[in-house]
Amino acid sequence: MLTTPQRNQLLRIARESIEAVLSGRRPELPSPEQLDEPLTRPSGCFVTLHAQGALRGCIGTIQALAPLYQAISSSAISAAFRDPRFFPLAPDELPAIDLEISVMSPIVPVTDVAEIEVGRDGLIVSRGRNAGLLLPQVATQYGWDRDELLQHTCQKAGLPPDAWRSPETRIERFSAEVFGEQTAE
């Protein structure tokens, strides 16, 4: 678990990274020596942007490829400007944007869907070249049960809703430490 100051620092890095790009500058990240050790550990993460409660962008990586603080900066920029579902963020939109960060746990294969706990687990469903991911908080936001979470994750992967029942479909789960500008403390 991250401390409140660590969470606030990551939220600041995310917002300042977006502000820098909007100003035509390169983000200025702290050096690793200026950060607590958990922020320099490689970790997967997602940054989600909301505008008046509605999704405005969400991008991240499930793999621990970069130190957390760098992954947060990169994901924030991608969520603001590269999410293909939305137009790039305009400067006048930023003040109304709320940021949410999801720091990923390791991914584990699901051998029995009964082990999936709605609200705790995010899912990755894949088969062949198709893959879809839903963060743990999505199911609770929409009031889904386990079957609905599985169905929607299959659909996000471009698969039929019941594809999770097929032995060729791979199901993985993960948890995430989720916090935002409204909930960092």
Foldseek 3Di string as FASTA:
>chain_A
DDALVQLVLLQVLLLQLQVQVLVVHHRDDDDPVVDDPQQFFFFKKKKWKDAPNHTQFIDIDHDRDGRNSVRSSVRSCCRQPPRVVHHHHHPVRSVRIKMKMWTKDHKDWDPDLVVDDQLFKWKWKDADPFIFTDARVPCVVVVHDSLVNQQVRCVRRVHHSPCVVDPRMTMMIIGTDMDIPVRSD
